[in-house]
């Protein structure tokens, strides 16, 4: 998972995947659900490799379900901006 070691690389990678999903006709809600699931996976299985990822993990850890969905939506917006 070297792509998540560098936050800028992660944003670009995620942005490219979001654009692909949109081109395939996925709705914003479906993409948000996937981003939420990815966030849960990363939180449970991946030790953050840099300070940006550590900050996101800490926000994820203290957030409730709706706040985590907001983080997922914001990550999608941020990622799309970096494509």
Protein backbone atom coordinates (compact mmCIF):
# COMPACT_ATOMS: atom_id res chain seq x y z
CA UNK A 1 0.00 0.00 0.00
CA UNK A 2 2.71 2.47 -0.92
CA UNK A 3 0.13 4.83 -2.39
CA UNK A 4 -1.04 5.80 1.11
CA UNK A 5 2.44 6.61 2.43
CA UNK A 6 2.42 10.00 0.69
CA UNK A 7 -0.72 12.10 1.22
CA UNK A 8 -0.46 13.91 -2.13
CA UNK A 9 -0.12 10.59 -3.95
CA UNK A 10 -3.12 9.25 -2.01
CA UNK A 11 -5.27 12.27 -2.96
CA UNK A 12 -4.37 11.92 -6.64
CA UNK A 13 -4.98 8.16 -6.62
CA UNK A 14 -8.33 8.57 -4.87
CA UNK A 15 -9.33 11.41 -7.20
CA UNK A 16 -8.60 9.29 -10.27
CA UNK A 17 -10.74 6.47 -8.85
CA UNK A 18 -13.60 8.89 -8.12
CA UNK A 19 -13.51 10.25 -11.67
CA UNK A 20 -13.53 6.68 -13.03
CA UNK A 21 -16.52 5.80 -10.84
CA UNK A 22 -18.41 8.87 -12.05
CA UNK A 23 -17.67 7.99 -15.69
CA UNK A 24 -19.07 4.51 -15.02
CA UNK A 25 -22.29 6.14 -13.85
CA UNK A 26 -21.95 5.67 -10.09
CA UNK A 27 -24.01 8.12 -8.06
CA UNK A 28 -22.48 10.50 -5.55
CA UNK A 29 -24.18 8.55 -2.76
CA UNK A 30 -22.65 5.25 -3.94
CA UNK A 31 -19.20 6.82 -4.16
CA UNK A 32 -19.64 8.27 -0.67
CA UNK A 33 -20.65 4.84 0.66
CA UNK A 34 -17.53 3.31 -0.89
CA UNK A 35 -15.33 6.07 0.55
CA UNK A 36 -16.88 5.43 3.96
CA UNK A 37 -16.13 1.71 3.69
CA UNK A 38 -12.56 2.44 2.61
CA UNK A 39 -12.19 4.76 5.59
CA UNK A 40 -13.39 2.02 7.94
CA UNK A 41 -10.97 -0.45 6.36
CA UNK A 42 -8.00 1.92 6.59
CA UNK A 43 -8.85 2.83 10.18
CA UNK A 44 -8.93 -0.82 11.19
CA UNK A 45 -6.09 -2.26 9.11
CA UNK A 46 -3.54 0.42 8.19
CA UNK A 47 -1.17 2.32 10.45
CA UNK A 48 -0.91 5.92 9.15
CA UNK A 49 2.46 6.50 7.51
CA UNK A 50 2.52 10.30 7.70
CA UNK A 51 1.13 13.17 9.75
CA UNK A 52 -1.69 13.94 7.30
CA UNK A 53 -2.97 10.37 7.39
CA UNK A 54 -2.54 10.29 11.18
CA UNK A 55 -4.69 13.43 11.53
CA UNK A 56 -7.40 11.90 9.33
CA UNK A 57 -7.34 8.71 11.39
CA UNK A 58 -7.68 10.65 14.62
CA UNK A 59 -10.67 12.58 13.20
CA UNK A 60 -12.19 9.30 11.98
CA UNK A 61 -11.68 7.71 15.40
CA UNK A 62 -13.56 10.45 17.27
CA UNK A 63 -16.32 10.86 14.71
CA UNK A 64 -19.71 9.20 14.85
CA UNK A 65 -21.20 7.55 11.75
CA UNK A 66 -22.58 10.78 10.27
CA UNK A 67 -19.37 12.69 10.95
CA UNK A 68 -17.38 9.91 9.29
CA UNK A 69 -19.67 10.13 6.25
CA UNK A 70 -18.92 13.86 6.16
CA UNK A 71 -15.18 13.13 6.26
CA UNK A 72 -15.66 10.64 3.40
CA UNK A 73 -17.57 13.24 1.32
CA UNK A 74 -14.90 15.87 2.02
CA UNK A 75 -12.12 13.46 1.03
CA UNK A 76 -13.94 12.84 -2.27
CA UNK A 77 -14.11 16.59 -2.93
CA UNK A 78 -10.46 17.07 -1.98
CA UNK A 79 -9.36 14.12 -4.11
CA UNK A 80 -11.27 15.30 -7.19
CA UNK A 81 -9.57 18.67 -6.86
CA UNK A 82 -6.17 16.93 -7.16
CA UNK A 83 -6.79 15.11 -10.45
